[in-house]
Protein backbone atom coordinates (compact mmCIF):
# COMPACT_ATOMS: atom_id res chain seq x y z
CA GLN A 1 115.44 73.99 131.78
CA VAL A 2 118.68 73.43 129.91
CA ILE A 3 117.80 69.76 129.47
CA CYS A 4 114.35 70.68 128.10
CA LEU A 5 115.85 73.17 125.67
CA HIS A 6 118.45 70.67 124.55
CA ARG A 7 115.82 67.97 124.04
CA SER A 8 113.52 70.32 122.15
CA SER A 9 116.33 71.30 119.80
CA GLN A 10 116.90 67.63 118.96
CA PHE A 11 113.36 67.24 117.64
CA PRO A 12 112.38 69.46 114.72
CA ALA A 13 109.34 71.63 115.23
CA SER A 14 106.18 70.38 113.61
CA SER A 15 104.54 72.37 110.84
CA ASN A 16 101.69 73.16 113.24
CA GLN A 17 104.13 74.70 115.73
CA ARG A 18 105.67 76.79 112.96
CA HIS A 19 102.23 77.90 111.82
CA VAL A 20 101.30 78.97 115.35
CA THR A 21 104.64 80.74 115.80
CA ILE A 22 104.17 82.72 112.59
CA THR A 23 100.63 83.68 113.66
CA VAL A 24 101.88 84.90 117.04
CA ILE A 25 104.68 86.87 115.38
CA LEU A 26 102.20 88.51 112.97
CA MET A 27 99.83 89.48 115.79
CA SER A 28 102.66 90.76 117.98
CA SER A 29 104.14 92.80 115.13
CA LEU A 30 100.74 94.31 114.38
CA PHE A 31 100.33 95.25 118.04
CA VAL A 32 103.76 96.87 118.28
CA ILE A 33 103.40 98.80 115.02
CA CYS A 34 99.90 100.05 115.77
CA ASN A 35 100.65 101.08 119.33
CA SER A 36 104.09 102.60 118.80
CA ALA A 37 102.78 105.99 117.63
CA PHE A 38 100.78 106.55 120.80
CA TYR A 39 103.52 105.34 123.13
CA GLY A 40 106.10 107.38 121.23
CA TYR A 41 103.96 110.45 121.78
CA MET A 42 103.55 109.64 125.48
CA PHE A 43 107.30 109.10 125.84
CA SER A 44 108.07 112.42 124.14
CA MET A 45 105.63 114.18 126.47
CA LEU A 46 107.32 112.49 129.42
CA LEU A 47 110.68 113.83 128.26
CA GLY A 48 109.19 117.27 127.86
CA LEU A 49 109.72 117.49 124.12
CA LYS A 50 107.35 119.97 122.57
CA TYR A 51 106.18 119.76 119.02
CA ARG A 52 103.95 121.89 116.88
CA ASP A 53 100.21 121.62 117.38
CA HIS A 54 99.56 119.79 114.11
CA PHE A 55 102.09 117.10 115.05
CA THR A 56 100.40 116.67 118.44
CA LEU A 57 97.03 116.34 116.72
CA PHE A 58 98.50 113.86 114.24
CA ILE A 59 99.89 111.67 117.03
CA ALA A 60 96.71 111.97 119.11
CA VAL A 61 94.55 110.86 116.17
CA PHE A 62 96.82 107.99 115.22
CA GLY A 63 97.15 107.05 118.88
CA THR A 64 93.44 106.35 118.77
CA VAL A 65 92.98 105.08 115.21
CA LEU A 66 95.94 102.70 115.06
CA PRO A 67 95.05 100.69 118.21
CA ILE A 68 91.49 100.37 116.89
CA LEU A 69 92.91 99.26 113.54
CA SER A 70 95.03 96.68 115.38
CA SER A 71 91.92 95.35 117.11
CA ALA A 72 90.10 95.19 113.78
CA LEU A 73 92.94 93.39 112.00
CA ASN A 74 93.54 90.73 114.69
CA PRO A 75 90.50 88.68 113.60
CA VAL A 76 91.63 89.00 109.97
CA ILE A 77 94.98 87.45 110.88
CA ILE A 78 93.34 84.68 112.90
CA ILE A 79 90.79 83.86 110.19
CA SER A 80 93.38 83.94 107.39
CA ARG A 81 95.81 81.72 109.31
CA SER A 82 93.24 79.07 110.35
CA SER A 83 91.96 76.89 107.52
CA GLY A 84 88.84 75.83 109.45
CA LEU A 85 87.86 79.38 110.33
CA ARG A 86 88.68 80.57 106.82
CA GLU A 87 86.37 77.96 105.25
CA ARG A 88 83.58 78.76 107.70
CA PHE A 89 83.97 82.49 107.04
CA LEU A 90 83.93 81.98 103.26
CA ASP A 91 80.82 79.77 103.52
CA THR A 92 79.06 82.43 105.57
CA ALA A 93 80.13 85.13 103.10
CA ARG A 94 78.77 83.05 100.21
CA ARG A 95 75.44 82.57 101.99
CA VAL A 96 75.16 86.29 102.72
CA GLN A 97 76.03 87.11 99.11
CA THR A 98 73.40 84.65 97.83
CA SER A 99 70.81 86.06 100.20
CA LEU A 100 71.56 89.64 99.12
CA ARG A 101 71.34 88.69 95.45
CA ARG A 102 67.94 87.07 96.03
CA GLN A 103 66.68 90.17 97.83
CA CYS A 104 67.91 92.43 95.01
CA LEU A 105 66.32 90.21 92.36
CA ASN A 106 63.05 90.13 94.32
CA ARG A 107 63.02 93.94 94.53
CA VAL A 108 63.76 94.31 90.83
CA SER A 109 61.06 91.82 89.84
CA ALA A 110 58.53 93.44 92.21
CA GLU A 111 59.04 96.84 90.56
């Protein structure tokens, strides 16, 4: 393992490796941030710390909402970091927008 680490440090990382590393860091950071409220609450309950009811409700709500937000934002990170996916997504968004405009114009002209 030491030889592999030494050899890998001799060769600079490619831009693709850096891009992937940044994407993984972004997704990991999002996961940690969005799940820390719930796990902090669980840890405080494990220690027997008691808070007021509104704080418990606050943590319980964010313990549900933040992990869902994390799941919703993961595809945004992946799409924004991948040029191929980003172009495909933008093309699909343009087609949907064009289709919606046509439908609105057809409704207006039919009235």
